[in-house]
């Protein structure tokens, strides 16, 4: 209902009502509706949110959405948003941005935030050091509970989590932990060293991020401390970040098992070029396919020229050329779309391609038989029974081949590490048109030989 409400306000250009409806809205509800909006609608909604609500929403979006929103901001506005993000979320976003954009944003950060960001980016990717946040509350052993509570009150606003507190010595070495609950229920004059837990479970900065996430999940902690090689506390990994990592790792494992990990990465890179690249880079991807298929299109013209005698003898033959070619094109497009979506969603495994390919050929044959009979009957009743046979058989064969090409062409392009998004449609369309003409004229010459 919220999604429809937002869309109605935008369609009616009632921005004041939309802004009022967004005030005080539950974050989870807004996040759910936001994912259903188009890119343009997301930008409109985002600009109407208060600064606090916008930042909170921004940090919960995936990096692709964050990148799209940043591109819609003025440069100063983008820098302001990135500056106010939690360090770990900021690094995650910067890792996904083009290097030139990331460098510009890092340069725009405040000295304090730039230092925190550079620390995290200095660790190896996919390690605890790279995903940790440096925003945590540390206490000293000789503090009283009252002093510790005052520090928590003073720093809590800036921290990602305050449920677990960490005790360090003057050299920042981790000595103990305690919960906020322990602090609240203890006598204000008690010394922190007397109530802290010394059985510390921590990870090092070079621990693999998936191992960190699984440990957090197993222990059911809100956060886990991260220490360097000298046992100094340098950050924490929080539970929400751990869950994001497990989701990403699980997705990667599924893609890898399906043989799609490299394909997915390549498709992301190619999509970025085709959508955001320069005109020349787009030409380099798309023009070769179009020029090659234009050449094949010329061959189709030669086929028609070669059967000029047939067309002159039976002019009615020309009536069904666009029908057969069009139906083949529709089926080929459907098949290639089914293949592309199946690959992206992991429903088609490249290593088992033959199984899916044979099924699609069977589907193409069944569809071709149905539409072939219908087209053949129409041609027979309208013009000539033998022409009906020629049209019917040509339709069956063309549609079957179109379905075959719809799966085979993108598969071959993927195997050859060529951009199937730019190449599949032109190749399928041109090959299908060429074959459809040959098949149709051959069928006409077989079934209507006595009339030629």
Protein backbone atom coordinates (compact mmCIF):
# COMPACT_ATOMS: atom_id res chain seq x y z
CA UNK A 1 0.00 0.00 0.00
CA UNK A 2 2.86 2.39 0.81
CA UNK A 3 4.46 1.71 -2.57
CA UNK A 4 1.20 2.54 -4.37
CA UNK A 5 0.70 5.63 -2.22
CA UNK A 6 4.18 6.92 -3.07
CA UNK A 7 3.61 6.27 -6.78
CA UNK A 8 0.27 8.11 -6.72
CA UNK A 9 1.85 11.17 -5.10
CA UNK A 10 4.65 11.19 -7.68
CA UNK A 11 2.30 10.74 -10.65
CA UNK A 12 0.13 13.61 -9.37
CA UNK A 13 3.25 15.70 -8.63
CA UNK A 14 2.00 16.18 -5.07
CA UNK A 15 5.41 16.46 -3.43
CA UNK A 16 4.18 18.21 -0.29
CA UNK A 17 1.80 15.36 0.57
CA UNK A 18 4.51 12.82 -0.22
CA UNK A 19 6.96 14.62 2.07
CA UNK A 20 4.41 14.65 4.91
CA UNK A 21 3.69 10.93 4.48
CA UNK A 22 7.41 10.12 4.72
CA UNK A 23 7.84 11.90 8.06
CA UNK A 24 7.87 9.48 10.97
CA UNK A 25 7.54 6.44 8.70
CA UNK A 26 9.00 3.19 10.01
CA UNK A 27 12.42 2.56 8.47
CA UNK A 28 11.69 -1.08 7.60
CA UNK A 29 8.46 -0.09 5.84
CA UNK A 30 10.21 2.64 3.87
CA UNK A 31 13.08 0.31 2.92
CA UNK A 32 10.64 -2.29 1.60
CA UNK A 33 8.75 0.26 -0.51
CA UNK A 34 11.99 1.88 -1.71
CA UNK A 35 13.20 -1.37 -3.33
CA UNK A 36 10.00 -1.51 -5.42
CA UNK A 37 10.42 2.01 -6.86
CA UNK A 38 12.10 2.84 -10.14
CA UNK A 39 15.49 4.61 -10.08
CA UNK A 40 13.86 7.97 -10.83
CA UNK A 41 11.23 7.48 -8.10
CA UNK A 42 13.94 6.48 -5.60
CA UNK A 43 15.79 9.73 -6.22
CA UNK A 44 12.61 11.77 -5.70
CA UNK A 45 11.75 10.00 -2.43
CA UNK A 46 15.31 10.17 -1.16
CA UNK A 47 15.53 13.94 -1.70
CA UNK A 48 12.33 14.47 0.30
CA UNK A 49 13.58 12.60 3.39
CA UNK A 50 15.09 14.36 6.37
CA UNK A 51 18.87 14.20 6.56
CA UNK A 52 18.80 11.65 9.42
CA UNK A 53 16.20 9.42 7.72
CA UNK A 54 18.03 9.61 4.39
CA UNK A 55 21.36 8.59 5.94
CA UNK A 56 19.75 5.73 7.87
CA UNK A 57 18.07 4.45 4.70
CA UNK A 58 21.21 4.94 2.60
CA UNK A 59 23.33 2.75 4.88
CA UNK A 60 20.83 -0.13 4.53
CA UNK A 61 20.78 -0.13 0.73
CA UNK A 62 22.98 -2.41 -1.35
CA UNK A 63 26.00 -0.82 -2.99
CA UNK A 64 24.42 -0.71 -6.47
CA UNK A 65 21.54 1.40 -5.18
CA UNK A 66 23.92 3.58 -3.20
CA UNK A 67 26.00 4.15 -6.31
CA UNK A 68 22.93 5.11 -8.37
CA UNK A 69 21.80 7.58 -5.72
CA UNK A 70 25.26 9.12 -5.41
CA UNK A 71 25.28 9.79 -9.15
CA UNK A 72 22.07 11.81 -8.75
CA UNK A 73 23.61 14.03 -6.05
CA UNK A 74 25.59 17.20 -6.56
CA UNK A 75 29.26 16.52 -5.80
CA UNK A 76 29.15 18.29 -2.43
CA UNK A 77 26.00 16.43 -1.36
CA UNK A 78 27.56 13.06 -2.24
CA UNK A 79 30.68 13.90 -0.23
CA UNK A 80 28.55 14.94 2.75
CA UNK A 81 26.66 11.64 2.74
CA UNK A 82 29.78 9.51 2.44
CA UNK A 83 31.44 11.51 5.22
CA UNK A 84 28.60 10.71 7.62
CA UNK A 85 28.48 6.97 6.93
CA UNK A 86 29.93 4.45 9.37
CA UNK A 87 33.55 3.67 8.38
CA UNK A 88 32.89 0.02 7.49
CA UNK A 89 29.84 0.89 5.38
CA UNK A 90 31.83 3.66 3.71
CA UNK A 91 34.69 1.31 2.78
CA UNK A 92 32.24 -1.26 1.43
CA UNK A 93 30.74 1.40 -0.85
CA UNK A 94 34.12 2.79 -1.94
CA UNK A 95 35.27 -0.73 -2.87
CA UNK A 96 32.41 -0.96 -5.37
CA UNK A 97 32.83 2.49 -6.93
CA UNK A 98 35.11 3.27 -9.90
CA UNK A 99 38.59 4.14 -8.65
CA UNK A 100 38.39 7.75 -9.86
CA UNK A 101 35.11 8.34 -8.02
CA UNK A 102 36.37 6.63 -4.85
CA UNK A 103 39.54 8.76 -4.78
CA UNK A 104 37.53 11.94 -5.18
CA UNK A 105 35.18 11.00 -2.34
CA UNK A 106 38.05 9.99 -0.02
CA UNK A 107 39.72 13.36 -0.67
CA UNK A 108 36.49 15.14 0.30
CA UNK A 109 36.25 13.43 3.72
CA UNK A 110 37.08 15.21 6.94
CA UNK A 111 40.63 14.48 8.19
CA UNK A 112 39.27 12.25 10.97
CA UNK A 113 36.99 10.22 8.67
CA UNK A 114 39.67 10.02 5.98
CA UNK A 115 42.11 8.57 8.49
CA UNK A 116 39.56 5.97 9.66
CA UNK A 117 38.78 5.06 6.05
CA UNK A 118 42.43 4.73 5.04
CA UNK A 119 43.08 2.45 8.03
CA UNK A 120 40.36 0.01 6.91
CA UNK A 121 41.33 0.18 3.24
CA UNK A 122 44.89 -0.72 4.22
CA UNK A 123 43.78 -4.25 5.16
CA UNK A 124 43.37 -7.05 2.66
CA UNK A 125 39.90 -7.38 1.05
CA UNK A 126 37.49 -9.90 2.62
CA UNK A 127 39.24 -9.87 6.00
CA UNK A 128 38.05 -8.72 9.42
CA UNK A 129 40.23 -5.62 9.14
CA UNK A 130 38.47 -4.55 5.95
CA UNK A 131 34.89 -4.97 7.26
CA UNK A 132 35.30 -3.83 10.88
CA UNK A 133 34.14 -0.48 12.21
CA UNK A 134 36.42 1.72 14.28
CA UNK A 135 33.44 3.19 16.11
CA UNK A 136 33.29 1.41 19.47
CA UNK A 137 33.50 2.42 23.12
CA UNK A 138 36.62 1.44 25.06
CA UNK A 139 37.01 1.79 28.83
CA UNK A 140 40.04 1.76 31.11
CA UNK A 141 40.43 -0.81 33.87
CA UNK A 142 40.73 1.74 36.71
CA UNK A 143 37.57 3.64 35.76
CA UNK A 144 34.60 3.54 38.11
CA UNK A 145 31.24 2.41 36.82
CA UNK A 146 29.96 5.99 37.10
CA UNK A 147 32.85 7.32 34.99
CA UNK A 148 32.25 4.58 32.43
CA UNK A 149 28.52 5.41 32.21
CA UNK A 150 29.34 9.06 31.66
CA UNK A 151 31.66 8.11 28.82
CA UNK A 152 29.00 5.88 27.29
CA UNK A 153 26.41 8.68 27.46
CA UNK A 154 28.84 11.09 25.83
CA UNK A 155 29.92 8.81 22.97
CA UNK A 156 26.83 6.64 22.34
CA UNK A 157 25.35 8.93 19.69
CA UNK A 158 28.34 8.39 17.36
CA UNK A 159 28.67 4.65 17.91
CA UNK A 160 27.21 1.84 15.82
CA UNK A 161 26.56 -0.30 18.91
CA UNK A 162 26.93 0.21 22.67
CA UNK A 163 25.63 -3.13 23.92
CA UNK A 164 29.15 -4.49 24.40
CA UNK A 165 31.98 -2.42 25.90
CA UNK A 166 35.69 -3.14 25.65
CA UNK A 167 38.34 -2.64 28.32
CA UNK A 168 41.88 -1.72 27.24
CA UNK A 169 45.09 -0.65 28.92
CA UNK A 170 47.19 2.42 28.10
CA UNK A 171 48.70 0.63 25.09
CA UNK A 172 45.19 -0.16 23.74
CA UNK A 173 45.67 -3.87 24.37
CA UNK A 174 42.39 -5.67 24.92
CA UNK A 175 42.04 -6.80 28.54
CA UNK A 176 38.35 -7.50 29.01
CA UNK A 177 34.73 -6.99 27.93
CA UNK A 178 31.45 -6.26 29.66
CA UNK A 179 27.90 -5.61 28.61
CA UNK A 180 25.99 -2.38 28.98
CA UNK A 181 23.60 -4.27 31.25
CA UNK A 182 26.48 -5.18 33.60
CA UNK A 183 27.40 -1.52 33.77
CA UNK A 184 23.88 -0.30 34.52
CA UNK A 185 23.12 -2.76 37.34
CA UNK A 186 26.48 -2.38 39.13
CA UNK A 187 27.25 0.00 41.99
CA UNK A 188 28.51 3.36 40.57
CA UNK A 189 31.64 3.24 42.75
CA UNK A 190 32.74 -0.22 41.57
CA UNK A 191 35.95 -0.44 39.52
CA UNK A 192 35.62 -1.70 35.94
CA UNK A 193 38.48 -4.20 36.36
CA UNK A 194 36.44 -5.99 39.04
CA UNK A 195 33.38 -6.59 36.87
CA UNK A 196 34.87 -7.13 33.40
CA UNK A 197 35.05 -10.58 31.78
CA UNK A 198 38.57 -11.65 30.92
CA UNK A 199 37.65 -14.71 28.83
CA UNK A 200 37.82 -12.69 25.63
CA UNK A 201 36.86 -14.08 22.23
CA UNK A 202 38.34 -11.98 19.45
CA UNK A 203 39.55 -12.24 15.85
CA UNK A 204 42.62 -10.80 14.18
CA UNK A 205 42.58 -8.25 11.38
CA UNK A 206 43.60 -10.86 8.78
CA UNK A 207 40.89 -13.40 9.72
CA UNK A 208 38.70 -14.26 6.72
CA UNK A 209 35.43 -12.32 6.78
CA UNK A 210 33.29 -15.45 6.38
CA UNK A 211 35.00 -17.09 9.38
CA UNK A 212 34.32 -13.94 11.43
CA UNK A 213 30.66 -13.91 10.40
CA UNK A 214 30.16 -17.58 11.23
CA UNK A 215 31.80 -17.16 14.62
CA UNK A 216 29.48 -14.26 15.43
CA UNK A 217 26.51 -16.34 14.32
CA UNK A 218 27.57 -19.31 16.44
CA UNK A 219 28.28 -17.22 19.55
CA UNK A 220 25.16 -15.05 19.11
CA UNK A 221 27.15 -11.92 20.00
CA UNK A 222 26.17 -8.38 19.05
CA UNK A 223 29.76 -7.73 18.02
CA UNK A 224 33.20 -9.29 18.15
CA UNK A 225 36.45 -7.36 18.79
CA UNK A 226 39.22 -7.24 16.19
CA UNK A 227 42.85 -7.05 17.29
CA UNK A 228 46.10 -6.48 15.43
CA UNK A 229 49.28 -8.56 15.60
CA UNK A 230 50.22 -6.95 18.93
CA UNK A 231 46.82 -7.72 20.51
CA UNK A 232 45.71 -4.08 20.35
CA UNK A 233 42.02 -3.39 19.85
CA UNK A 234 41.54 -1.76 16.45
CA UNK A 235 37.84 -2.28 15.73
CA UNK A 236 34.76 -4.48 15.99
CA UNK A 237 32.63 -6.46 13.53
CA UNK A 238 28.92 -6.11 14.25
CA UNK A 239 26.21 -8.75 13.87
CA UNK A 240 24.36 -6.96 11.04
CA UNK A 241 27.54 -6.77 8.96
CA UNK A 242 28.16 -10.46 9.64
CA UNK A 243 24.72 -11.39 8.31
CA UNK A 244 25.33 -9.35 5.14
CA UNK A 245 28.62 -11.20 4.62
CA UNK A 246 27.01 -14.62 5.08
CA UNK A 247 24.34 -13.71 2.54
CA UNK A 248 26.98 -12.56 0.04
CA UNK A 249 29.18 -15.61 0.60
CA UNK A 250 26.22 -17.98 0.25
CA UNK A 251 25.23 -16.30 -3.02
CA UNK A 252 28.81 -16.57 -4.30
CA UNK A 253 28.93 -20.27 -3.35
CA UNK A 254 25.68 -20.93 -5.22
CA UNK A 255 26.92 -19.09 -8.31
CA UNK A 256 30.24 -20.91 -8.15
CA UNK A 257 28.56 -24.31 -7.88
CA UNK A 258 26.44 -23.41 -10.89
CA UNK A 259 29.53 -22.31 -12.80
CA UNK A 260 28.32 -18.71 -12.82
CA UNK A 261 30.75 -16.81 -10.60
CA UNK A 262 32.96 -15.57 -13.47
CA UNK A 263 29.94 -15.01 -15.69
CA UNK A 264 28.26 -12.80 -13.09
CA UNK A 265 31.39 -10.69 -12.58
CA UNK A 266 31.90 -10.31 -16.34
CA UNK A 267 28.27 -9.37 -16.91
CA UNK A 268 28.47 -6.70 -14.18
CA UNK A 269 31.56 -5.17 -15.81
CA UNK A 270 30.04 -5.27 -19.29
CA UNK A 271 26.75 -3.83 -18.08
CA UNK A 272 28.63 -0.95 -16.46
CA UNK A 273 30.32 -0.18 -19.81
CA UNK A 274 27.08 -0.34 -21.82
CA UNK A 275 25.15 1.83 -19.34
CA UNK A 276 27.71 4.31 -18.02
CA UNK A 277 30.61 4.08 -20.49
CA UNK A 278 31.72 6.62 -23.10
CA UNK A 279 30.18 6.63 -26.57
CA UNK A 280 33.36 5.07 -28.01
CA UNK A 281 33.41 2.22 -25.44
CA UNK A 282 29.74 1.47 -26.22
CA UNK A 283 30.48 1.49 -29.95
CA UNK A 284 33.32 -0.99 -29.48
CA UNK A 285 30.94 -3.47 -27.85
CA UNK A 286 27.84 -3.04 -30.01
CA UNK A 287 28.98 -2.07 -33.50
CA UNK A 288 30.95 -5.24 -34.38
CA UNK A 289 27.84 -7.39 -33.88
CA UNK A 290 25.64 -5.00 -35.83
CA UNK A 291 28.07 -4.69 -38.74
CA UNK A 292 28.52 -8.47 -38.90
CA UNK A 293 24.78 -9.06 -38.88
CA UNK A 294 24.27 -6.34 -41.50
CA UNK A 295 26.59 -8.33 -43.76
CA UNK A 296 24.51 -11.45 -43.10
CA UNK A 297 21.41 -9.40 -43.87
CA UNK A 298 22.86 -8.73 -47.29
CA UNK A 299 23.10 -12.48 -47.76
CA UNK A 300 19.35 -12.67 -47.04
CA UNK A 301 18.88 -10.27 -49.93
CA UNK A 302 20.88 -12.61 -52.17
CA UNK A 303 18.61 -15.49 -51.10
CA UNK A 304 15.52 -13.57 -52.18
CA UNK A 305 17.27 -12.63 -55.44
CA UNK A 306 18.14 -16.29 -56.01
CA UNK A 307 14.48 -17.26 -55.71
CA UNK A 308 13.25 -14.37 -57.88
CA UNK A 309 11.79 -16.85 -60.39
CA UNK A 310 9.70 -18.44 -57.62
CA UNK A 311 8.31 -15.07 -56.54
CA UNK A 312 7.48 -14.10 -60.11
CA UNK A 313 5.75 -17.43 -60.75
CA UNK A 314 3.67 -17.43 -57.55
CA UNK A 315 3.38 -13.90 -56.18
CA UNK A 316 1.25 -15.13 -53.24
CA UNK A 317 4.41 -16.71 -51.80
CA UNK A 318 5.56 -13.22 -50.71
CA UNK A 319 2.51 -12.79 -48.44
CA UNK A 320 3.80 -15.28 -45.86
CA UNK A 321 7.47 -14.20 -45.75
CA UNK A 322 6.98 -11.60 -42.95
CA UNK A 323 4.71 -14.00 -41.02
CA UNK A 324 7.29 -16.79 -40.92
CA UNK A 325 10.22 -14.46 -40.24
CA UNK A 326 8.28 -12.55 -37.56
CA UNK A 327 7.13 -15.67 -35.72
CA UNK A 328 10.67 -17.04 -35.74
CA UNK A 329 11.94 -13.75 -34.33
CA UNK A 330 9.39 -13.76 -31.52
CA UNK A 331 10.23 -17.31 -30.47
CA UNK A 332 14.00 -16.65 -30.69
CA UNK A 333 13.62 -13.57 -28.45
CA UNK A 334 11.55 -15.53 -25.94
CA UNK A 335 14.10 -18.34 -25.79
CA UNK A 336 17.10 -16.05 -25.36
CA UNK A 337 15.27 -14.16 -22.59
CA UNK A 338 14.43 -17.42 -20.81
CA UNK A 339 18.07 -18.50 -21.06
CA UNK A 340 19.51 -15.18 -19.82
CA UNK A 341 17.13 -14.99 -16.86
CA UNK A 342 17.72 -18.64 -15.97
CA UNK A 343 21.49 -18.15 -15.98
CA UNK A 344 21.36 -14.99 -13.83
CA UNK A 345 19.02 -16.61 -11.29
CA UNK A 346 21.07 -19.79 -11.16
CA UNK A 347 18.22 -21.92 -12.53
CA UNK A 348 20.24 -22.93 -15.58
CA UNK A 349 23.61 -24.50 -14.85
CA UNK A 350 26.10 -23.95 -17.66
CA UNK A 351 27.78 -27.31 -17.06
CA UNK A 352 24.42 -29.07 -17.67
CA UNK A 353 23.57 -26.93 -20.70
CA UNK A 354 22.69 -29.87 -22.97
CA UNK A 355 19.75 -30.89 -20.76
CA UNK A 356 18.17 -27.42 -20.90
CA UNK A 357 19.04 -27.02 -24.58
CA UNK A 358 17.26 -30.23 -25.61
CA UNK A 359 14.21 -29.30 -23.58
CA UNK A 360 14.02 -25.89 -25.28
CA UNK A 361 14.33 -27.54 -28.72
CA UNK A 362 11.37 -29.74 -27.75
CA UNK A 363 9.41 -26.69 -26.62
CA UNK A 364 10.26 -24.94 -29.91
CA UNK A 365 9.12 -27.97 -31.91
CA UNK A 366 5.80 -28.15 -30.05
CA UNK A 367 5.12 -24.42 -30.49
CA UNK A 368 6.24 -24.60 -34.12
CA UNK A 369 3.89 -27.51 -34.81
CA UNK A 370 0.93 -25.66 -33.33
CA UNK A 371 1.45 -22.34 -35.13
CA UNK A 372 2.56 -24.20 -38.29
CA UNK A 373 -0.75 -26.05 -38.49
CA UNK A 374 -2.69 -22.82 -37.91
CA UNK A 375 -0.70 -20.85 -40.54
CA UNK A 376 -0.83 -23.77 -42.98
CA UNK A 377 -4.61 -24.12 -42.73
CA UNK A 378 -5.06 -20.37 -43.27
CA UNK A 379 -2.76 -20.42 -46.34
CA UNK A 380 -4.53 -23.52 -47.74
CA UNK A 381 -8.04 -22.10 -47.35
CA UNK A 382 -7.07 -18.61 -48.48
CA UNK A 383 -4.86 -19.35 -51.50
CA UNK A 384 -3.75 -22.90 -52.32
CA UNK A 385 -3.63 -26.24 -50.39
CA UNK A 386 -0.05 -26.99 -51.46
CA UNK A 387 1.04 -23.49 -50.42
CA UNK A 388 -0.53 -24.30 -47.04
CA UNK A 389 1.78 -27.31 -46.74
CA UNK A 390 4.81 -25.20 -47.67
CA UNK A 391 3.90 -22.51 -45.13
CA UNK A 392 3.11 -25.04 -42.40
CA UNK A 393 6.35 -27.01 -42.74
CA UNK A 394 8.44 -23.83 -43.08
CA UNK A 395 6.85 -22.43 -39.92
CA UNK A 396 7.50 -25.62 -37.93
CA UNK A 397 11.16 -25.79 -38.94
CA UNK A 398 11.79 -22.04 -38.55
CA UNK A 399 10.27 -21.79 -35.06
CA UNK A 400 12.17 -24.87 -33.89
CA UNK A 401 15.46 -23.46 -35.18
CA UNK A 402 14.66 -20.05 -33.61
CA UNK A 403 14.19 -21.68 -30.19
CA UNK A 404 17.42 -23.60 -30.71
CA UNK A 405 19.32 -20.41 -31.56
CA UNK A 406 17.78 -18.59 -28.59
CA UNK A 407 19.64 -20.92 -26.23
CA UNK A 408 22.68 -21.81 -28.33
CA UNK A 409 23.90 -18.35 -29.37
CA UNK A 410 24.11 -16.77 -25.87
CA UNK A 411 25.66 -19.99 -24.53
CA UNK A 412 28.40 -19.91 -27.18
CA UNK A 413 29.05 -16.20 -26.55
CA UNK A 414 29.35 -16.81 -22.79
CA UNK A 415 31.74 -19.70 -23.40
CA UNK A 416 33.81 -17.49 -25.70
CA UNK A 417 33.76 -14.74 -23.02
CA UNK A 418 32.01 -12.36 -25.42
CA UNK A 419 29.28 -9.95 -24.30
CA UNK A 420 26.09 -11.94 -24.87
CA UNK A 421 23.85 -8.97 -23.94
CA UNK A 422 25.08 -6.97 -26.92
CA UNK A 423 25.57 -9.89 -29.32
CA UNK A 424 22.76 -12.40 -28.80
CA UNK A 425 19.80 -10.51 -30.27
CA UNK A 426 21.47 -9.29 -33.49
CA UNK A 427 23.02 -12.69 -34.22
CA UNK A 428 19.84 -14.66 -33.46
CA UNK A 429 17.65 -12.30 -35.51
CA UNK A 430 19.92 -12.29 -38.57
CA UNK A 431 20.61 -16.04 -38.61
CA UNK A 432 16.95 -16.79 -38.06
CA UNK A 433 15.87 -14.47 -40.91
CA UNK A 434 18.41 -15.98 -43.29
CA UNK A 435 17.45 -19.56 -42.43
CA UNK A 436 13.73 -18.76 -42.50
CA UNK A 437 13.99 -17.46 -46.08
CA UNK A 438 15.98 -20.47 -47.27
CA UNK A 439 13.65 -22.96 -45.54
CA UNK A 440 10.49 -21.26 -46.85
CA UNK A 441 11.66 -21.04 -50.46
CA UNK A 442 12.91 -24.63 -50.40
CA UNK A 443 9.51 -25.80 -49.07
CA UNK A 444 7.70 -23.74 -51.76
CA UNK A 445 9.89 -25.26 -54.47
CA UNK A 446 9.18 -28.78 -53.16
CA UNK A 447 5.41 -28.52 -52.67
CA UNK A 448 4.63 -26.16 -55.59
CA UNK A 449 7.09 -27.49 -58.17
CA UNK A 450 4.30 -28.10 -60.67
CA UNK A 451 3.29 -24.43 -60.56
CA UNK A 452 6.77 -22.99 -61.14
